N, C-alpha and C. Protein backbone atom coordinates (compact mmCIF):
# COMPACT_ATOMS: atom_id res chain seq x y z
N MET A 1 25.42 19.41 -31.72
CA MET A 1 24.11 19.39 -31.10
C MET A 1 24.30 19.04 -29.62
N SER A 2 23.83 19.88 -28.75
CA SER A 2 24.01 19.63 -27.33
C SER A 2 22.78 18.96 -26.75
N GLU A 3 23.01 18.10 -25.75
CA GLU A 3 21.91 17.43 -25.07
C GLU A 3 21.39 18.35 -23.98
N THR A 4 20.09 18.30 -23.76
CA THR A 4 19.53 19.06 -22.65
C THR A 4 19.15 18.07 -21.56
N PHE A 5 19.42 18.43 -20.34
CA PHE A 5 19.11 17.58 -19.21
C PHE A 5 18.05 18.26 -18.37
N GLU A 6 17.07 17.48 -18.02
CA GLU A 6 16.00 17.99 -17.18
C GLU A 6 16.53 18.18 -15.76
N THR A 7 16.10 19.25 -15.13
CA THR A 7 16.52 19.53 -13.76
C THR A 7 15.40 19.16 -12.80
N LEU A 8 15.76 18.51 -11.71
CA LEU A 8 14.82 18.20 -10.65
C LEU A 8 15.05 19.19 -9.51
N GLU A 9 13.99 19.80 -9.04
CA GLU A 9 14.09 20.73 -7.93
C GLU A 9 13.00 20.39 -6.93
N ASN A 10 13.37 20.35 -5.66
CA ASN A 10 12.36 19.98 -4.67
C ASN A 10 11.63 21.19 -4.11
N ILE A 11 10.60 20.88 -3.34
CA ILE A 11 9.85 21.87 -2.59
C ILE A 11 10.00 21.45 -1.13
N THR A 12 10.64 22.29 -0.34
CA THR A 12 10.93 21.91 1.04
C THR A 12 9.68 21.95 1.91
N TYR A 13 9.79 21.33 3.06
CA TYR A 13 8.68 21.33 4.01
C TYR A 13 8.20 22.75 4.30
N ASP A 14 9.15 23.65 4.54
CA ASP A 14 8.78 25.04 4.85
C ASP A 14 8.09 25.74 3.68
N GLU A 15 8.42 25.36 2.46
CA GLU A 15 7.81 25.98 1.28
C GLU A 15 6.41 25.43 0.98
N LEU A 16 6.16 24.19 1.36
CA LEU A 16 4.86 23.56 1.09
C LEU A 16 3.75 24.23 1.90
N GLN A 17 2.60 24.38 1.27
CA GLN A 17 1.42 24.94 1.94
C GLN A 17 0.25 24.00 1.71
N GLU A 18 -0.63 23.89 2.69
CA GLU A 18 -1.84 23.10 2.49
C GLU A 18 -2.58 23.66 1.28
N GLY A 19 -3.04 22.76 0.41
CA GLY A 19 -3.73 23.16 -0.81
C GLY A 19 -2.83 23.20 -2.04
N ASP A 20 -1.49 23.20 -1.84
CA ASP A 20 -0.58 23.17 -2.99
C ASP A 20 -0.84 21.92 -3.81
N SER A 21 -0.68 22.03 -5.14
CA SER A 21 -0.93 20.88 -6.00
C SER A 21 0.14 20.78 -7.08
N ALA A 22 0.26 19.58 -7.64
CA ALA A 22 1.22 19.33 -8.71
C ALA A 22 0.73 18.13 -9.53
N THR A 23 1.24 18.01 -10.75
CA THR A 23 0.86 16.90 -11.61
C THR A 23 2.09 16.22 -12.21
N TYR A 24 1.88 14.99 -12.64
CA TYR A 24 2.90 14.17 -13.30
C TYR A 24 2.16 13.35 -14.35
N VAL A 25 2.68 13.28 -15.57
CA VAL A 25 1.98 12.61 -16.68
C VAL A 25 2.87 11.54 -17.29
N LYS A 26 2.27 10.37 -17.59
CA LYS A 26 3.02 9.28 -18.21
C LYS A 26 2.06 8.42 -19.03
N THR A 27 2.53 7.92 -20.17
CA THR A 27 1.75 7.03 -21.04
C THR A 27 2.29 5.61 -20.94
N LEU A 28 1.39 4.65 -20.83
CA LEU A 28 1.77 3.24 -20.74
C LEU A 28 2.08 2.68 -22.13
N THR A 29 3.33 2.28 -22.33
CA THR A 29 3.74 1.66 -23.59
C THR A 29 3.84 0.15 -23.41
N GLU A 30 3.87 -0.55 -24.52
CA GLU A 30 4.06 -2.00 -24.50
C GLU A 30 5.35 -2.37 -23.77
N ASP A 31 6.44 -1.69 -24.11
CA ASP A 31 7.72 -2.00 -23.47
C ASP A 31 7.65 -1.80 -21.96
N GLU A 32 7.04 -0.71 -21.52
CA GLU A 32 6.96 -0.46 -20.08
C GLU A 32 6.09 -1.49 -19.38
N LEU A 33 5.01 -1.92 -20.00
CA LEU A 33 4.17 -2.96 -19.42
C LEU A 33 4.97 -4.24 -19.21
N VAL A 34 5.70 -4.66 -20.23
CA VAL A 34 6.49 -5.89 -20.15
C VAL A 34 7.64 -5.74 -19.15
N LEU A 35 8.30 -4.59 -19.17
CA LEU A 35 9.39 -4.36 -18.21
C LEU A 35 8.88 -4.33 -16.78
N PHE A 36 7.70 -3.76 -16.55
CA PHE A 36 7.13 -3.75 -15.21
C PHE A 36 6.86 -5.18 -14.76
N ALA A 37 6.34 -6.02 -15.66
CA ALA A 37 6.12 -7.43 -15.33
C ALA A 37 7.44 -8.11 -14.97
N ALA A 38 8.47 -7.82 -15.74
CA ALA A 38 9.78 -8.45 -15.48
C ALA A 38 10.36 -7.99 -14.15
N VAL A 39 10.29 -6.71 -13.86
CA VAL A 39 10.88 -6.17 -12.63
C VAL A 39 10.08 -6.61 -11.41
N SER A 40 8.76 -6.60 -11.51
CA SER A 40 7.92 -6.94 -10.36
C SER A 40 7.75 -8.44 -10.17
N GLY A 41 7.90 -9.21 -11.25
CA GLY A 41 7.64 -10.64 -11.19
C GLY A 41 6.17 -10.99 -11.37
N ASP A 42 5.33 -9.99 -11.57
CA ASP A 42 3.90 -10.21 -11.77
C ASP A 42 3.66 -10.50 -13.25
N VAL A 43 3.58 -11.78 -13.58
CA VAL A 43 3.39 -12.19 -14.97
C VAL A 43 1.97 -12.74 -15.20
N ASN A 44 1.02 -12.19 -14.47
CA ASN A 44 -0.38 -12.54 -14.67
C ASN A 44 -0.71 -12.42 -16.15
N PRO A 45 -1.28 -13.45 -16.77
CA PRO A 45 -1.58 -13.37 -18.20
C PRO A 45 -2.58 -12.27 -18.56
N LEU A 46 -3.30 -11.77 -17.58
CA LEU A 46 -4.20 -10.64 -17.84
C LEU A 46 -3.41 -9.42 -18.34
N HIS A 47 -2.13 -9.33 -17.96
CA HIS A 47 -1.28 -8.23 -18.38
C HIS A 47 -0.51 -8.53 -19.66
N LEU A 48 -0.23 -9.81 -19.92
CA LEU A 48 0.74 -10.16 -20.95
C LEU A 48 0.22 -11.00 -22.11
N ASP A 49 -0.92 -11.65 -21.95
CA ASP A 49 -1.42 -12.59 -22.95
C ASP A 49 -2.74 -12.07 -23.53
N SER A 50 -2.69 -11.62 -24.79
CA SER A 50 -3.87 -11.03 -25.44
C SER A 50 -5.04 -11.99 -25.51
N ALA A 51 -4.78 -13.27 -25.84
CA ALA A 51 -5.86 -14.24 -25.96
C ALA A 51 -6.51 -14.49 -24.60
N PHE A 52 -5.71 -14.62 -23.57
CA PHE A 52 -6.23 -14.81 -22.22
C PHE A 52 -7.07 -13.59 -21.81
N ALA A 53 -6.53 -12.41 -22.02
CA ALA A 53 -7.21 -11.18 -21.61
C ALA A 53 -8.51 -10.96 -22.39
N ALA A 54 -8.55 -11.43 -23.64
CA ALA A 54 -9.75 -11.25 -24.47
C ALA A 54 -10.96 -11.96 -23.84
N ASP A 55 -10.71 -13.03 -23.10
CA ASP A 55 -11.79 -13.77 -22.45
C ASP A 55 -12.12 -13.23 -21.06
N SER A 56 -11.44 -12.18 -20.65
CA SER A 56 -11.68 -11.60 -19.32
C SER A 56 -12.78 -10.54 -19.41
N SER A 57 -13.17 -10.01 -18.27
CA SER A 57 -14.18 -8.95 -18.24
C SER A 57 -13.67 -7.65 -18.87
N PHE A 58 -12.34 -7.54 -19.05
CA PHE A 58 -11.76 -6.34 -19.64
C PHE A 58 -11.66 -6.43 -21.17
N HIS A 59 -11.68 -7.64 -21.72
CA HIS A 59 -11.64 -7.92 -23.15
C HIS A 59 -10.32 -7.56 -23.82
N GLU A 60 -9.35 -7.11 -23.04
CA GLU A 60 -8.02 -6.80 -23.56
C GLU A 60 -7.05 -6.75 -22.39
N ARG A 61 -5.77 -6.72 -22.70
CA ARG A 61 -4.75 -6.65 -21.67
C ARG A 61 -4.87 -5.35 -20.88
N ILE A 62 -4.56 -5.43 -19.60
CA ILE A 62 -4.59 -4.23 -18.76
C ILE A 62 -3.26 -4.11 -18.02
N ALA A 63 -2.99 -2.92 -17.54
CA ALA A 63 -1.77 -2.65 -16.78
C ALA A 63 -1.88 -3.24 -15.39
N HIS A 64 -0.73 -3.49 -14.79
CA HIS A 64 -0.67 -3.85 -13.38
C HIS A 64 -1.19 -2.66 -12.58
N GLY A 65 -2.01 -2.91 -11.58
CA GLY A 65 -2.48 -1.81 -10.74
C GLY A 65 -1.33 -1.03 -10.13
N MET A 66 -0.29 -1.74 -9.75
CA MET A 66 0.83 -1.06 -9.11
C MET A 66 1.65 -0.23 -10.09
N TRP A 67 1.47 -0.42 -11.39
CA TRP A 67 2.13 0.50 -12.33
C TRP A 67 1.56 1.90 -12.09
N SER A 68 0.24 1.98 -11.96
CA SER A 68 -0.39 3.27 -11.66
C SER A 68 0.10 3.80 -10.32
N GLY A 69 0.19 2.91 -9.34
CA GLY A 69 0.69 3.30 -8.02
C GLY A 69 2.12 3.81 -8.09
N SER A 70 2.92 3.20 -8.95
CA SER A 70 4.32 3.62 -9.06
C SER A 70 4.44 5.03 -9.65
N LEU A 71 3.43 5.46 -10.40
CA LEU A 71 3.45 6.83 -10.93
C LEU A 71 3.28 7.84 -9.80
N ILE A 72 2.51 7.46 -8.78
CA ILE A 72 2.39 8.34 -7.61
C ILE A 72 3.75 8.48 -6.95
N SER A 73 4.46 7.38 -6.80
CA SER A 73 5.81 7.42 -6.23
C SER A 73 6.71 8.33 -7.05
N ALA A 74 6.64 8.20 -8.38
CA ALA A 74 7.46 9.04 -9.25
C ALA A 74 7.11 10.52 -9.09
N ALA A 75 5.82 10.82 -8.97
CA ALA A 75 5.40 12.21 -8.79
C ALA A 75 5.92 12.79 -7.48
N LEU A 76 5.83 12.00 -6.41
CA LEU A 76 6.33 12.45 -5.11
C LEU A 76 7.85 12.66 -5.14
N ALA A 77 8.55 11.78 -5.82
CA ALA A 77 10.01 11.81 -5.83
C ALA A 77 10.60 12.87 -6.75
N THR A 78 9.85 13.23 -7.80
CA THR A 78 10.44 14.13 -8.79
C THR A 78 9.75 15.49 -8.90
N VAL A 79 8.50 15.60 -8.41
CA VAL A 79 7.75 16.85 -8.61
C VAL A 79 7.43 17.53 -7.28
N MET A 80 6.66 16.86 -6.42
CA MET A 80 6.27 17.47 -5.15
C MET A 80 6.12 16.40 -4.08
N PRO A 81 6.89 16.47 -3.03
CA PRO A 81 7.91 17.44 -2.69
C PRO A 81 9.19 17.35 -3.54
N GLY A 82 9.48 16.19 -4.15
CA GLY A 82 10.64 16.09 -5.03
C GLY A 82 11.84 15.44 -4.37
N PRO A 83 13.03 15.64 -4.94
CA PRO A 83 14.23 14.98 -4.44
C PRO A 83 14.43 15.16 -2.94
N GLY A 84 14.76 14.05 -2.27
CA GLY A 84 14.95 14.07 -0.84
C GLY A 84 13.73 13.62 -0.06
N THR A 85 12.61 13.42 -0.75
CA THR A 85 11.38 12.97 -0.10
C THR A 85 11.52 11.53 0.36
N VAL A 86 11.03 11.24 1.56
CA VAL A 86 11.00 9.87 2.08
C VAL A 86 9.53 9.43 2.12
N TYR A 87 9.24 8.36 1.38
CA TYR A 87 7.88 7.82 1.25
C TYR A 87 7.59 6.95 2.48
N LEU A 88 6.55 7.25 3.22
CA LEU A 88 6.24 6.50 4.43
C LEU A 88 5.05 5.57 4.29
N GLU A 89 4.02 6.02 3.58
CA GLU A 89 2.76 5.27 3.58
C GLU A 89 1.94 5.65 2.35
N GLN A 90 1.13 4.68 1.88
CA GLN A 90 0.28 4.94 0.72
C GLN A 90 -0.98 4.12 0.82
N SER A 91 -2.13 4.74 0.65
CA SER A 91 -3.38 3.99 0.47
C SER A 91 -3.76 4.13 -1.00
N LEU A 92 -4.31 3.06 -1.56
CA LEU A 92 -4.71 3.07 -2.97
C LEU A 92 -6.06 2.40 -3.12
N THR A 93 -6.92 2.98 -3.93
CA THR A 93 -8.15 2.34 -4.37
C THR A 93 -8.15 2.38 -5.89
N PHE A 94 -8.24 1.20 -6.50
CA PHE A 94 -8.22 1.10 -7.95
C PHE A 94 -9.67 1.20 -8.46
N ARG A 95 -9.95 2.20 -9.28
CA ARG A 95 -11.31 2.50 -9.73
C ARG A 95 -11.61 2.01 -11.14
N ARG A 96 -10.58 1.95 -12.00
CA ARG A 96 -10.80 1.65 -13.41
C ARG A 96 -9.51 1.04 -13.96
N ALA A 97 -9.67 0.11 -14.90
CA ALA A 97 -8.50 -0.52 -15.52
C ALA A 97 -7.74 0.49 -16.39
N VAL A 98 -6.43 0.30 -16.42
CA VAL A 98 -5.55 1.09 -17.28
C VAL A 98 -5.13 0.18 -18.43
N LYS A 99 -5.22 0.70 -19.64
CA LYS A 99 -4.93 -0.11 -20.83
C LYS A 99 -3.71 0.45 -21.56
N LEU A 100 -3.17 -0.35 -22.45
CA LEU A 100 -2.02 0.09 -23.25
C LEU A 100 -2.34 1.41 -23.93
N ASP A 101 -1.37 2.28 -23.97
CA ASP A 101 -1.44 3.61 -24.58
C ASP A 101 -2.30 4.61 -23.81
N ASP A 102 -2.81 4.22 -22.64
CA ASP A 102 -3.48 5.20 -21.79
C ASP A 102 -2.45 6.18 -21.26
N THR A 103 -2.83 7.44 -21.19
CA THR A 103 -1.98 8.48 -20.59
C THR A 103 -2.60 8.85 -19.25
N LEU A 104 -1.81 8.65 -18.20
CA LEU A 104 -2.29 8.93 -16.86
C LEU A 104 -1.70 10.23 -16.33
N THR A 105 -2.53 10.97 -15.63
CA THR A 105 -2.08 12.18 -14.95
C THR A 105 -2.28 11.97 -13.46
N VAL A 106 -1.16 12.06 -12.73
CA VAL A 106 -1.20 11.99 -11.27
C VAL A 106 -1.39 13.42 -10.76
N ASN A 107 -2.42 13.61 -9.96
CA ASN A 107 -2.68 14.90 -9.33
C ASN A 107 -2.41 14.76 -7.84
N LEU A 108 -1.48 15.54 -7.33
CA LEU A 108 -1.15 15.54 -5.91
C LEU A 108 -1.65 16.84 -5.29
N LYS A 109 -2.13 16.74 -4.05
CA LYS A 109 -2.57 17.94 -3.34
C LYS A 109 -2.18 17.80 -1.87
N VAL A 110 -1.51 18.81 -1.33
CA VAL A 110 -1.12 18.79 0.07
C VAL A 110 -2.37 18.95 0.93
N LEU A 111 -2.61 17.94 1.78
CA LEU A 111 -3.77 17.98 2.68
C LEU A 111 -3.39 18.56 4.03
N THR A 112 -2.30 18.02 4.61
CA THR A 112 -1.89 18.48 5.93
C THR A 112 -0.37 18.47 6.05
N LYS A 113 0.13 19.34 6.91
CA LYS A 113 1.54 19.35 7.30
C LYS A 113 1.57 19.04 8.79
N GLY A 114 2.42 18.08 9.16
CA GLY A 114 2.47 17.66 10.55
C GLY A 114 3.85 17.84 11.16
N ARG A 115 3.99 17.29 12.33
CA ARG A 115 5.26 17.35 13.05
C ARG A 115 6.35 16.57 12.31
N ARG A 116 7.56 16.93 12.59
CA ARG A 116 8.75 16.25 12.07
C ARG A 116 8.72 16.14 10.54
N ASN A 117 8.26 17.21 9.90
CA ASN A 117 8.28 17.35 8.43
C ASN A 117 7.37 16.36 7.71
N ARG A 118 6.37 15.84 8.41
CA ARG A 118 5.42 14.90 7.79
C ARG A 118 4.39 15.68 6.98
N VAL A 119 4.09 15.15 5.80
CA VAL A 119 3.10 15.76 4.92
C VAL A 119 2.18 14.67 4.39
N THR A 120 0.88 14.94 4.40
CA THR A 120 -0.11 14.02 3.83
C THR A 120 -0.64 14.66 2.55
N LEU A 121 -0.64 13.86 1.48
CA LEU A 121 -1.07 14.35 0.17
C LEU A 121 -2.20 13.48 -0.38
N ALA A 122 -3.20 14.12 -0.95
CA ALA A 122 -4.24 13.42 -1.70
C ALA A 122 -3.65 13.03 -3.05
N CYS A 123 -3.98 11.82 -3.50
CA CYS A 123 -3.49 11.32 -4.78
C CYS A 123 -4.68 10.94 -5.65
N ASP A 124 -4.77 11.55 -6.82
CA ASP A 124 -5.87 11.30 -7.75
C ASP A 124 -5.24 11.05 -9.12
N VAL A 125 -5.47 9.86 -9.67
CA VAL A 125 -4.88 9.50 -10.96
C VAL A 125 -6.00 9.35 -11.97
N ARG A 126 -5.86 10.06 -13.10
CA ARG A 126 -6.90 10.05 -14.13
C ARG A 126 -6.30 9.70 -15.49
N ASN A 127 -7.12 9.07 -16.33
CA ASN A 127 -6.67 8.75 -17.69
C ASN A 127 -6.94 9.92 -18.63
N GLN A 128 -6.64 9.72 -19.89
CA GLN A 128 -6.76 10.79 -20.90
C GLN A 128 -8.21 11.23 -21.11
N ASN A 129 -9.16 10.44 -20.62
CA ASN A 129 -10.59 10.82 -20.73
C ASN A 129 -11.09 11.46 -19.44
N ASP A 130 -10.17 11.81 -18.55
CA ASP A 130 -10.47 12.40 -17.25
C ASP A 130 -11.28 11.46 -16.36
N GLU A 131 -11.11 10.14 -16.57
CA GLU A 131 -11.76 9.14 -15.74
C GLU A 131 -10.79 8.76 -14.62
N GLN A 132 -11.28 8.75 -13.40
CA GLN A 132 -10.43 8.41 -12.26
C GLN A 132 -10.08 6.93 -12.32
N VAL A 133 -8.77 6.62 -12.25
CA VAL A 133 -8.33 5.23 -12.25
C VAL A 133 -7.81 4.81 -10.88
N VAL A 134 -7.25 5.73 -10.12
CA VAL A 134 -6.74 5.43 -8.78
C VAL A 134 -6.96 6.64 -7.89
N THR A 135 -7.27 6.37 -6.64
CA THR A 135 -7.34 7.43 -5.64
C THR A 135 -6.67 6.93 -4.36
N GLY A 136 -6.21 7.85 -3.56
CA GLY A 136 -5.59 7.45 -2.30
C GLY A 136 -4.94 8.62 -1.60
N GLU A 137 -4.16 8.28 -0.56
CA GLU A 137 -3.40 9.28 0.18
C GLU A 137 -2.00 8.78 0.39
N ALA A 138 -1.04 9.69 0.35
CA ALA A 138 0.36 9.37 0.61
C ALA A 138 0.82 10.16 1.83
N LYS A 139 1.69 9.54 2.61
CA LYS A 139 2.34 10.23 3.72
C LYS A 139 3.83 10.18 3.47
N VAL A 140 4.46 11.34 3.57
CA VAL A 140 5.90 11.44 3.29
C VAL A 140 6.57 12.31 4.34
N ILE A 141 7.90 12.19 4.37
CA ILE A 141 8.71 13.17 5.08
C ILE A 141 9.26 14.09 4.00
N ALA A 142 8.88 15.35 4.06
CA ALA A 142 9.34 16.31 3.04
C ALA A 142 10.77 16.73 3.35
N PRO A 143 11.55 17.02 2.31
CA PRO A 143 12.92 17.47 2.53
C PRO A 143 12.96 18.84 3.21
N THR A 144 14.03 19.08 3.94
CA THR A 144 14.18 20.37 4.62
C THR A 144 15.22 21.24 3.95
N GLN A 145 16.06 20.64 3.11
CA GLN A 145 17.09 21.41 2.40
C GLN A 145 16.71 21.51 0.93
N LYS A 146 16.86 22.70 0.37
CA LYS A 146 16.57 22.95 -1.04
C LYS A 146 17.59 22.20 -1.90
N MET A 147 17.10 21.54 -2.96
CA MET A 147 17.97 20.81 -3.88
C MET A 147 17.56 21.10 -5.31
N SER A 148 18.55 21.20 -6.16
CA SER A 148 18.35 21.30 -7.59
C SER A 148 19.45 20.48 -8.24
N LEU A 149 19.07 19.47 -9.01
CA LEU A 149 20.06 18.58 -9.61
C LEU A 149 19.59 18.07 -10.95
N SER A 150 20.52 17.58 -11.73
CA SER A 150 20.17 17.01 -13.03
C SER A 150 19.45 15.69 -12.84
N LYS A 151 18.41 15.49 -13.62
CA LYS A 151 17.68 14.23 -13.57
C LYS A 151 18.62 13.12 -14.02
N PRO A 152 18.72 12.04 -13.24
CA PRO A 152 19.60 10.93 -13.64
C PRO A 152 19.18 10.34 -14.98
N ARG A 153 20.17 9.97 -15.77
CA ARG A 153 19.89 9.34 -17.06
C ARG A 153 19.76 7.84 -16.85
N LEU A 154 18.74 7.27 -17.43
CA LEU A 154 18.52 5.84 -17.35
C LEU A 154 18.91 5.20 -18.67
N PRO A 155 19.33 3.93 -18.63
CA PRO A 155 19.67 3.27 -19.90
C PRO A 155 18.41 3.04 -20.74
N LYS A 156 18.57 3.07 -22.03
CA LYS A 156 17.47 2.76 -22.94
C LYS A 156 17.40 1.25 -23.06
N ILE A 157 16.28 0.71 -22.63
CA ILE A 157 16.09 -0.75 -22.68
C ILE A 157 15.02 -1.05 -23.71
N THR A 158 15.34 -1.95 -24.61
CA THR A 158 14.34 -2.36 -25.62
C THR A 158 14.08 -3.84 -25.45
N ILE A 159 12.91 -4.24 -25.88
CA ILE A 159 12.49 -5.63 -25.75
C ILE A 159 12.43 -6.24 -27.15
N GLU A 160 13.06 -7.40 -27.27
CA GLU A 160 13.00 -8.10 -28.56
C GLU A 160 11.63 -8.72 -28.73
N ARG A 161 11.09 -8.59 -29.91
CA ARG A 161 9.76 -9.17 -30.17
C ARG A 161 9.89 -10.25 -31.20
């Protein structure tokens, strides 16, 4: 049985056109929520303690806002423009809480192309019910050389419960 490896291919500055769009989809799992807390150091009980969160206005645990923001980074780095992209700036407005098992879709749209390979993209993140959870704009330096490479393999990390 052979393993298949996902290929990452970028879209260069010259290939990008205003109005181009792309999507990236990810579901929030318990393990990812806990790992994000560990990596970021944000151990707010609203994210990690069910009893604490039950008494909040959300009535249950919610994701870190920056987890949603990090999906925008992943979309820029792996989908559009893709490998070789340099992230310069990001504005974010959090519209709705993200909960465990929510599936988020990051929608990117090229707004403008500027000097020195600068690109501004609209960022719209929606949950599985098509409710907007995050909106903003990203500014990047798009790659100028075409790249196609195997997606790096990450270790499988599990959390003891």
